[in-house]
C-alpha atoms as a PDB file:
ATOM      1  CA  MET A   1     146.538  13.367 -70.528  1.00  0.00           C
ATOM      2  CA  LEU A   2     148.090  16.840 -70.559  1.00  0.00           C
ATOM      3  CA  GLN A   3     149.783  15.983 -67.317  1.00  0.00           C
ATOM      4  CA  SER A   4     151.333  12.862 -68.830  1.00  0.00           C
ATOM      5  CA  LYS A   5     152.559  14.839 -71.865  1.00  0.00           C
ATOM      6  CA  GLY A   6     154.368  17.206 -69.497  1.00  0.00           C
ATOM      7  CA  ASP A   7     155.854  14.258 -67.643  1.00  0.00           C
ATOM      8  CA  GLU A   8     157.008  12.696 -70.903  1.00  0.00           C
ATOM      9  CA  ALA A   9     158.640  15.956 -72.006  1.00  0.00           C
ATOM     10  CA  ARG A  10     160.387  16.252 -68.649  1.00  0.00           C
ATOM     11  CA  LYS A  11     161.640  12.667 -68.948  1.00  0.00           C
ATOM     12  CA  ARG A  12     162.916  13.369 -72.468  1.00  0.00           C
ATOM     13  CA  ARG A  13     164.807  16.450 -71.242  1.00  0.00           C
ATOM     14  CA  CYS A  14     166.342  14.489 -68.337  1.00  0.00           C
ATOM     15  CA  LYS A  15     167.411  11.709 -70.678  1.00  0.00           C
ATOM     16  CA  ALA A  16     168.922  14.239 -73.068  1.00  0.00           C
ATOM     17  CA  LYS A  17     170.871  15.777 -70.161  1.00  0.00           C
ATOM     18  CA  GLU A  18     172.212  12.365 -69.169  1.00  0.00           C
ATOM     19  CA  THR A  19     173.382  11.567 -72.689  1.00  0.00           C
ATOM     20  CA  ARG A  20     175.083  14.941 -73.117  1.00  0.00           C
ATOM     21  CA  ARG A  21     178.695  14.926 -74.238  1.00  0.00           C
ATOM     22  CA  GLY A  22     181.587  15.789 -71.944  1.00  0.00           C
ATOM     23  CA  SER A  23     183.568  14.255 -69.145  1.00  0.00           C
ATOM     24  CA  ASP A  24     181.894  12.721 -66.125  1.00  0.00           C
ATOM     25  CA  ALA A  25     183.330  15.529 -64.007  1.00  0.00           C
ATOM     26  CA  ALA A  26     181.726  18.125 -66.280  1.00  0.00           C
ATOM     27  CA  LYS A  27     178.369  16.343 -66.068  1.00  0.00           C
ATOM     28  CA  GLN A  28     178.665  16.167 -62.296  1.00  0.00           C
ATOM     29  CA  ARG A  29     179.479  19.872 -62.164  1.00  0.00           C
ATOM     30  CA  ARG A  30     176.355  20.652 -64.176  1.00  0.00           C
ATOM     31  CA  ARG A  31     174.311  18.541 -61.769  1.00  0.00           C
ATOM     32  CA  GLY A  32     176.041  20.281 -58.856  1.00  0.00           C
ATOM     33  CA  SER A  33     177.259  17.104 -57.153  1.00  0.00           C
ATOM     34  CA  ASP A  34     179.850  17.148 -54.369  1.00  0.00           C
ATOM     35  CA  ALA A  35     182.177  14.796 -56.262  1.00  0.00           C
ATOM     36  CA  ALA A  36     182.442  17.352 -59.067  1.00  0.00           C
ATOM     37  CA  LYS A  37     183.501  20.038 -56.635  1.00  0.00           C
ATOM     38  CA  GLU A  38     186.394  17.857 -55.483  1.00  0.00           C
ATOM     39  CA  THR A  39     187.703  17.365 -59.031  1.00  0.00           C
ATOM     40  CA  ARG A  40     187.796  21.064 -59.839  1.00  0.00           C
ATOM     41  CA  ARG A  41     191.160  22.568 -60.620  1.00  0.00           C
ATOM     42  CA  GLY A  42     193.039  24.956 -58.377  1.00  0.00           C
ATOM     43  CA  SER A  43     195.030  24.867 -55.173  1.00  0.00           C
ATOM     44  CA  ASP A  44     193.684  23.069 -52.116  1.00  0.00           C
ATOM     45  CA  ALA A  45     193.375  26.410 -50.367  1.00  0.00           C
ATOM     46  CA  ALA A  46     191.253  27.769 -53.247  1.00  0.00           C
ATOM     47  CA  LYS A  47     188.978  24.723 -53.105  1.00  0.00           C
ATOM     48  CA  GLN A  48     188.542  25.197 -49.387  1.00  0.00           C
ATOM     49  CA  LYS A  49     187.643  28.853 -49.912  1.00  0.00           C
ATOM     50  CA  ARG A  50     185.006  27.875 -52.500  1.00  0.00           C
ATOM     51  CA  ARG A  51     183.510  25.423 -50.024  1.00  0.00           C
ATOM     52  CA  GLY A  52     183.391  28.240 -47.513  1.00  0.00           C
ATOM     53  CA  GLU A  53     185.878  26.593 -45.184  1.00  0.00           C
ATOM     54  CA  GLU A  54     188.728  28.419 -43.582  1.00  0.00           C
ATOM     55  CA  ALA A  55     191.929  27.648 -45.416  1.00  0.00           C
ATOM     56  CA  MET A  56     193.453  25.205 -42.954  1.00  0.00           C
ATOM     57  CA  LEU A  57     196.195  24.333 -45.372  1.00  0.00           C
ATOM     58  CA  GLN A  58     198.964  26.857 -45.454  1.00  0.00           C
ATOM     59  CA  SER A  59     199.399  28.802 -48.629  1.00  0.00           C
ATOM     60  CA  LYS A  60     201.786  27.661 -51.315  1.00  0.00           C
ATOM     61  CA  GLY A  61     204.249  30.337 -50.239  1.00  0.00           C
ATOM     62  CA  ASP A  62     204.538  28.801 -46.775  1.00  0.00           C
ATOM     63  CA  GLU A  63     204.970  25.332 -48.259  1.00  0.00           C
ATOM     64  CA  ALA A  64     207.699  26.618 -50.571  1.00  0.00           C
ATOM     65  CA  ARG A  65     209.419  28.311 -47.627  1.00  0.00           C
ATOM     66  CA  LYS A  66     209.320  25.026 -45.697  1.00  0.00           C
ATOM     67  CA  ARG A  67     210.814  23.187 -48.661  1.00  0.00           C
ATOM     68  CA  ARG A  68     213.613  25.752 -48.939  1.00  0.00           C
ATOM     69  CA  CYS A  69     214.370  25.498 -45.199  1.00  0.00           C
ATOM     70  CA  LYS A  70     214.492  21.723 -45.443  1.00  0.00           C
ATOM     71  CA  ALA A  71     216.881  21.960 -48.396  1.00  0.00           C
ATOM     72  CA  ASP A  72     219.077  24.427 -46.458  1.00  0.00           C
ATOM     73  CA  GLU A  73     219.238  22.039 -43.494  1.00  0.00           C
ATOM     74  CA  ALA A  74     220.179  19.154 -45.761  1.00  0.00           C
ATOM     75  CA  ARG A  75     222.859  21.325 -47.365  1.00  0.00           C
ATOM     76  CA  LYS A  76     224.228  22.271 -43.925  1.00  0.00           C
ATOM     77  CA  ARG A  77     224.374  18.609 -42.909  1.00  0.00           C
ATOM     78  CA  ARG A  78     226.215  17.824 -46.137  1.00  0.00           C
ATOM     79  CA  CYS A  79     228.636  20.717 -45.484  1.00  0.00           C
ATOM     80  CA  LYS A  80     229.377  19.344 -42.022  1.00  0.00           C
ATOM     81  CA  GLY A  81     230.333  16.063 -43.642  1.00  0.00           C
ATOM     82  CA  ASP A  82     232.495  17.929 -46.146  1.00  0.00           C
ATOM     83  CA  GLU A  83     234.270  19.774 -43.328  1.00  0.00           C
ATOM     84  CA  ALA A  84     235.027  16.504 -41.530  1.00  0.00           C
ATOM     85  CA  ARG A  85     236.321  15.050 -44.793  1.00  0.00           C
ATOM     86  CA  LYS A  86     238.542  18.128 -45.269  1.00  0.00           C
ATOM     87  CA  ARG A  87     239.939  17.693 -41.749  1.00  0.00           C
ATOM     88  CA  ARG A  88     240.738  14.050 -42.461  1.00  0.00           C
ATOM     89  CA  CYS A  89     242.392  15.012 -45.749  1.00  0.00           C
ATOM     90  CA  LYS A  90     244.444  17.653 -43.953  1.00  0.00           C
ATOM     91  CA  GLY A  91     245.694  14.940 -41.604  1.00  0.00           C
ATOM     92  CA  ASP A  92     246.576  12.721 -44.570  1.00  0.00           C
ATOM     93  CA  GLU A  93     248.456  15.588 -46.218  1.00  0.00           C
ATOM     94  CA  ALA A  94     250.434  16.268 -43.019  1.00  0.00           C
ATOM     95  CA  ARG A  95     251.291  12.566 -42.772  1.00  0.00           C
ATOM     96  CA  LYS A  96     252.482  12.587 -46.393  1.00  0.00           C
ATOM     97  CA  ARG A  97     254.605  15.684 -45.711  1.00  0.00           C
ATOM     98  CA  ARG A  98     256.234  14.023 -42.702  1.00  0.00           C
ATOM     99  CA  CYS A  99     257.010  10.893 -44.722  1.00  0.00           C
ATOM    100  CA  LYS A 100     258.444  12.977 -47.525  1.00  0.00           C
ATOM    101  CA  ALA A 101     260.582  14.902 -45.020  1.00  0.00           C
ATOM    102  CA  LYS A 102     261.969  11.606 -43.746  1.00  0.00           C
ATOM    103  CA  GLU A 103     262.812  10.551 -47.285  1.00  0.00           C
ATOM    104  CA  THR A 104     264.527  13.851 -48.126  1.00  0.00           C
ATOM    105  CA  ARG A 105     266.688  13.813 -44.990  1.00  0.00           C
ATOM    106  CA  ARG A 106     270.318  14.706 -45.483  1.00  0.00           C
ATOM    107  CA  GLY A 107     272.986  12.074 -45.420  1.00  0.00           C
ATOM    108  CA  SER A 108     274.252   9.174 -47.450  1.00  0.00           C
ATOM    109  CA  ASP A 109     271.882   6.549 -48.801  1.00  0.00           C
ATOM    110  CA  ALA A 110     273.505   4.032 -46.475  1.00  0.00           C
ATOM    111  CA  ALA A 111     272.846   6.303 -43.478  1.00  0.00           C
ATOM    112  CA  LYS A 112     269.186   6.669 -44.500  1.00  0.00           C
ATOM    113  CA  GLN A 113     268.880   2.921 -44.820  1.00  0.00           C
ATOM    114  CA  ARG A 114     270.423   2.465 -41.370  1.00  0.00           C
ATOM    115  CA  SER A 115     267.968   4.996 -39.871  1.00  0.00           C
ATOM    116  CA  ARG A 116     265.070   3.105 -41.467  1.00  0.00           C
ATOM    117  CA  GLY A 117     266.386  -0.071 -39.915  1.00  0.00           C
ATOM    118  CA  GLU A 118     267.270  -1.694 -43.251  1.00  0.00           C
ATOM    119  CA  GLU A 119     270.534  -3.404 -43.942  1.00  0.00           C
ATOM    120  CA  ALA A 120     272.891  -1.150 -45.845  1.00  0.00           C
ATOM    121  CA  THR A 121     272.780  -2.894 -49.217  1.00  0.00           C
ATOM    122  CA  LEU A 122     274.037   0.174 -51.019  1.00  0.00           C
ATOM    123  CA  GLN A 123     277.757   0.671 -50.748  1.00  0.00           C
ATOM    124  CA  ARG A 124     279.021   3.877 -49.275  1.00  0.00           C
ATOM    125  CA  LYS A 125     279.835   6.674 -51.646  1.00  0.00           C
ATOM    126  CA  GLY A 126     283.458   6.536 -50.525  1.00  0.00           C
ATOM    127  CA  ASP A 127     283.756   2.921 -51.663  1.00  0.00           C
ATOM    128  CA  GLU A 128     282.222   3.810 -55.022  1.00  0.00           C
ATOM    129  CA  ALA A 129     284.657   6.720 -55.444  1.00  0.00           C
ATOM    130  CA  ARG A 130     287.622   4.493 -54.514  1.00  0.00           C
ATOM    131  CA  LYS A 131     286.514   1.914 -57.098  1.00  0.00           C
ATOM    132  CA  ARG A 132     286.219   4.595 -59.764  1.00  0.00           C
ATOM    133  CA  ARG A 133     289.742   5.872 -59.017  1.00  0.00           C
ATOM    134  CA  CYS A 134     291.180   2.375 -59.165  1.00  0.00           C
ATOM    135  CA  LYS A 135     289.449   1.696 -62.464  1.00  0.00           C
ATOM    136  CA  ALA A 136     290.768   4.963 -63.872  1.00  0.00           C
ATOM    137  CA  LYS A 137     294.337   4.022 -62.815  1.00  0.00           C
ATOM    138  CA  GLU A 138     294.003   0.603 -64.467  1.00  0.00           C
ATOM    139  CA  THR A 139     292.858   2.078 -67.770  1.00  0.00           C
ATOM    140  CA  ARG A 140     295.875   4.476 -67.847  1.00  0.00           C
END
């Protein structure tokens, strides 16, 4: 009978432990289960150290360094693209300059039109001047 009282008390204590408040993870930690160990906070390397394993994962510093290197490489690739774009733009600018130079060539408008291969629709300046002189004479 004494034995059964002890068993009953033990059962009561176990039941009380099971109905304790707190998260499942906290209960598991109190029981010392493996699942609880996995849910503990901290870096992966720290968890591995607690388990007594060698930290196979590289430290956060190494990971950060890798991330920075990757970002640098991406930036360099982007810069290469920018340089190619600049070269193309330079070509466009040179082309524009050449066109502008053609447009600002010396000579009469009629001569420019002839060099472009257009028909000289504009009258020569001499004709315009002659017309002006004639008109001036008529108005006198």
